[in-house]
Amino acid sequence: MVFEEIERHNALDKFIRWALPKGRVPLRERIVFMSSRGSFELVQKAAMAGVAVLATVGGPSSLAIETARALQMTLLGFVREQRFNVYAGEWRINSK
């Protein structure tokens, strides 16, 4: 699904509100991709919805990285066509 909103937090809220009544929460089987930076608030909100992997176009804040590690979430940043950086949860990424 694709949800657009001026505020990145609102786009994530729309996705969660879409998934909830369909019984798709927790979102452990989904990768949430945001066309923004990885903020603490996005990590926190995604974790509350059960997201295992959060990927962003921009870089994450240090608090977002720390929180993702504490919550055992995989956090990817600077996602491009052929590359990305792994900031937390590297055990979920198969480099082969």
C-alpha atoms as a PDB file:
ATOM      1  CA  MET A   1       0.000   0.000   0.000  1.00  0.00           C
ATOM      2  CA  VAL A   2       1.078   3.575  -0.587  1.00  0.00           C
ATOM      3  CA  PHE A   3       0.000   6.473   1.581  1.00  0.00           C
ATOM      4  CA  GLU A   4       1.006  10.068   1.010  1.00  0.00           C
ATOM      5  CA  GLU A   5       0.877  12.920   3.442  1.00  0.00           C
ATOM      6  CA  ILE A   6       2.844  16.099   3.986  1.00  0.00           C
ATOM      7  CA  GLU A   7       3.874  14.996   7.479  1.00  0.00           C
ATOM      8  CA  ARG A   8       5.709  11.661   7.580  1.00  0.00           C
ATOM      9  CA  HIS A   9       4.025  10.730  10.864  1.00  0.00           C
ATOM     10  CA  ASN A  10       0.599  11.157   9.299  1.00  0.00           C
ATOM     11  CA  ALA A  11       1.490   8.841   6.415  1.00  0.00           C
ATOM     12  CA  LEU A  12       2.514   6.135   8.875  1.00  0.00           C
ATOM     13  CA  ASP A  13      -0.700   6.725  10.842  1.00  0.00           C
ATOM     14  CA  LYS A  14      -2.743   6.273   7.648  1.00  0.00           C
ATOM     15  CA  PHE A  15      -0.995   2.980   6.925  1.00  0.00           C
ATOM     16  CA  ILE A  16      -1.595   1.678  10.440  1.00  0.00           C
ATOM     17  CA  ARG A  17      -5.254   2.797  10.344  1.00  0.00           C
ATOM     18  CA  TRP A  18      -5.635   0.966   7.022  1.00  0.00           C
ATOM     19  CA  ALA A  19      -4.040  -2.238   8.343  1.00  0.00           C
ATOM     20  CA  LEU A  20      -5.740  -2.385  11.741  1.00  0.00           C
ATOM     21  CA  PRO A  21      -9.347  -3.210  10.742  1.00  0.00           C
ATOM     22  CA  LYS A  22      -8.052  -5.730   8.200  1.00  0.00           C
ATOM     23  CA  GLY A  23      -6.356  -7.712  10.971  1.00  0.00           C
ATOM     24  CA  ARG A  24      -2.875  -7.057   9.588  1.00  0.00           C
ATOM     25  CA  VAL A  25      -1.485  -5.605  12.807  1.00  0.00           C
ATOM     26  CA  PRO A  26       1.053  -6.511  14.105  1.00  0.00           C
ATOM     27  CA  LEU A  27       2.936  -5.694  10.932  1.00  0.00           C
ATOM     28  CA  ARG A  28       5.786  -8.181  11.464  1.00  0.00           C
ATOM     29  CA  GLU A  29       5.539  -9.477   7.906  1.00  0.00           C
ATOM     30  CA  ARG A  30       5.835  -6.026   6.311  1.00  0.00           C
ATOM     31  CA  ILE A  31       8.653  -3.653   5.480  1.00  0.00           C
ATOM     32  CA  VAL A  32       7.595  -0.075   6.048  1.00  0.00           C
ATOM     33  CA  PHE A  33       9.346   2.286   3.645  1.00  0.00           C
ATOM     34  CA  MET A  34       9.245   6.016   4.278  1.00  0.00           C
ATOM     35  CA  SER A  35      10.398   8.744   1.911  1.00  0.00           C
ATOM     36  CA  SER A  36      11.788  10.717   4.831  1.00  0.00           C
ATOM     37  CA  ARG A  37      14.504  10.544   7.425  1.00  0.00           C
ATOM     38  CA  GLY A  38      14.296   7.975  10.188  1.00  0.00           C
ATOM     39  CA  SER A  39      13.155   9.779  13.302  1.00  0.00           C
ATOM     40  CA  PHE A  40      12.722   8.466  16.830  1.00  0.00           C
ATOM     41  CA  GLU A  41       8.971   9.061  16.540  1.00  0.00           C
ATOM     42  CA  LEU A  42       8.707   6.911  13.407  1.00  0.00           C
ATOM     43  CA  VAL A  43      10.670   4.089  15.038  1.00  0.00           C
ATOM     44  CA  GLN A  44       8.512   4.303  18.142  1.00  0.00           C
ATOM     45  CA  LYS A  45       5.237   4.362  16.204  1.00  0.00           C
ATOM     46  CA  ALA A  46       6.334   1.542  13.883  1.00  0.00           C
ATOM     47  CA  ALA A  47       7.390  -0.581  16.848  1.00  0.00           C
ATOM     48  CA  MET A  48       4.011  -0.095  18.503  1.00  0.00           C
ATOM     49  CA  ALA A  49       2.404  -1.453  15.323  1.00  0.00           C
ATOM     50  CA  GLY A  50       4.732  -4.467  15.358  1.00  0.00           C
ATOM     51  CA  VAL A  51       6.851  -3.422  12.363  1.00  0.00           C
ATOM     52  CA  ALA A  52      10.071  -5.438  12.165  1.00  0.00           C
ATOM     53  CA  VAL A  53      11.777  -3.465   9.372  1.00  0.00           C
ATOM     54  CA  LEU A  54      11.659   0.297   8.867  1.00  0.00           C
ATOM     55  CA  ALA A  55      13.431   1.666   5.794  1.00  0.00           C
ATOM     56  CA  THR A  56      13.880   5.346   4.996  1.00  0.00           C
ATOM     57  CA  VAL A  57      15.295   7.399   2.141  1.00  0.00           C
ATOM     58  CA  GLY A  58      17.080   9.715   4.558  1.00  0.00           C
ATOM     59  CA  GLY A  59      19.357   8.998   7.451  1.00  0.00           C
ATOM     60  CA  PRO A  60      18.126   8.158  10.938  1.00  0.00           C
ATOM     61  CA  SER A  61      18.725  10.217  14.043  1.00  0.00           C
ATOM     62  CA  SER A  62      21.002   8.813  16.733  1.00  0.00           C
ATOM     63  CA  LEU A  63      17.998   8.402  19.042  1.00  0.00           C
ATOM     64  CA  ALA A  64      16.151   6.475  16.307  1.00  0.00           C
ATOM     65  CA  ILE A  65      19.119   4.117  15.959  1.00  0.00           C
ATOM     66  CA  GLU A  66      19.402   3.627  19.704  1.00  0.00           C
ATOM     67  CA  THR A  67      15.668   2.956  20.016  1.00  0.00           C
ATOM     68  CA  ALA A  68      15.566   0.544  17.068  1.00  0.00           C
ATOM     69  CA  ARG A  69      18.444  -1.433  18.580  1.00  0.00           C
ATOM     70  CA  ALA A  70      16.751  -1.549  21.990  1.00  0.00           C
ATOM     71  CA  LEU A  71      13.500  -2.735  20.370  1.00  0.00           C
ATOM     72  CA  GLN A  72      15.260  -5.253  18.095  1.00  0.00           C
ATOM     73  CA  MET A  73      13.876  -3.534  15.010  1.00  0.00           C
ATOM     74  CA  THR A  74      15.759  -3.451  11.732  1.00  0.00           C
ATOM     75  CA  LEU A  75      16.410   0.136  10.684  1.00  0.00           C
ATOM     76  CA  LEU A  76      17.632   0.934   7.179  1.00  0.00           C
ATOM     77  CA  GLY A  77      18.586   4.376   5.964  1.00  0.00           C
ATOM     78  CA  PHE A  78      19.728   6.097   2.786  1.00  0.00           C
ATOM     79  CA  VAL A  79      17.858   3.450   0.778  1.00  0.00           C
ATOM     80  CA  ARG A  80      18.641   3.722  -2.915  1.00  0.00           C
ATOM     81  CA  GLU A  81      18.091   1.471  -5.922  1.00  0.00           C
ATOM     82  CA  GLN A  82      21.078  -0.814  -5.302  1.00  0.00           C
ATOM     83  CA  ARG A  83      22.194   0.017  -1.750  1.00  0.00           C
ATOM     84  CA  PHE A  84      21.249   1.008   1.790  1.00  0.00           C
ATOM     85  CA  ASN A  85      22.822   1.382   5.214  1.00  0.00           C
ATOM     86  CA  VAL A  86      21.866  -0.918   8.081  1.00  0.00           C
ATOM     87  CA  TYR A  87      21.732   0.875  11.426  1.00  0.00           C
ATOM     88  CA  ALA A  88      20.037  -1.768  13.575  1.00  0.00           C
ATOM     89  CA  GLY A  89      18.819  -5.343  13.277  1.00  0.00           C
ATOM     90  CA  GLU A  90      21.459  -6.482  10.817  1.00  0.00           C
ATOM     91  CA  TRP A  91      20.635 -10.141  11.601  1.00  0.00           C
ATOM     92  CA  ARG A  92      17.530  -9.806   9.400  1.00  0.00           C
ATOM     93  CA  ILE A  93      19.560  -8.804   6.343  1.00  0.00           C
ATOM     94  CA  ASN A  94      20.957 -11.530   4.109  1.00  0.00           C
ATOM     95  CA  SER A  95      24.035 -10.114   2.363  1.00  0.00           C
ATOM     96  CA  LYS A  96      24.427 -13.044  -0.030  1.00  0.00           C
END
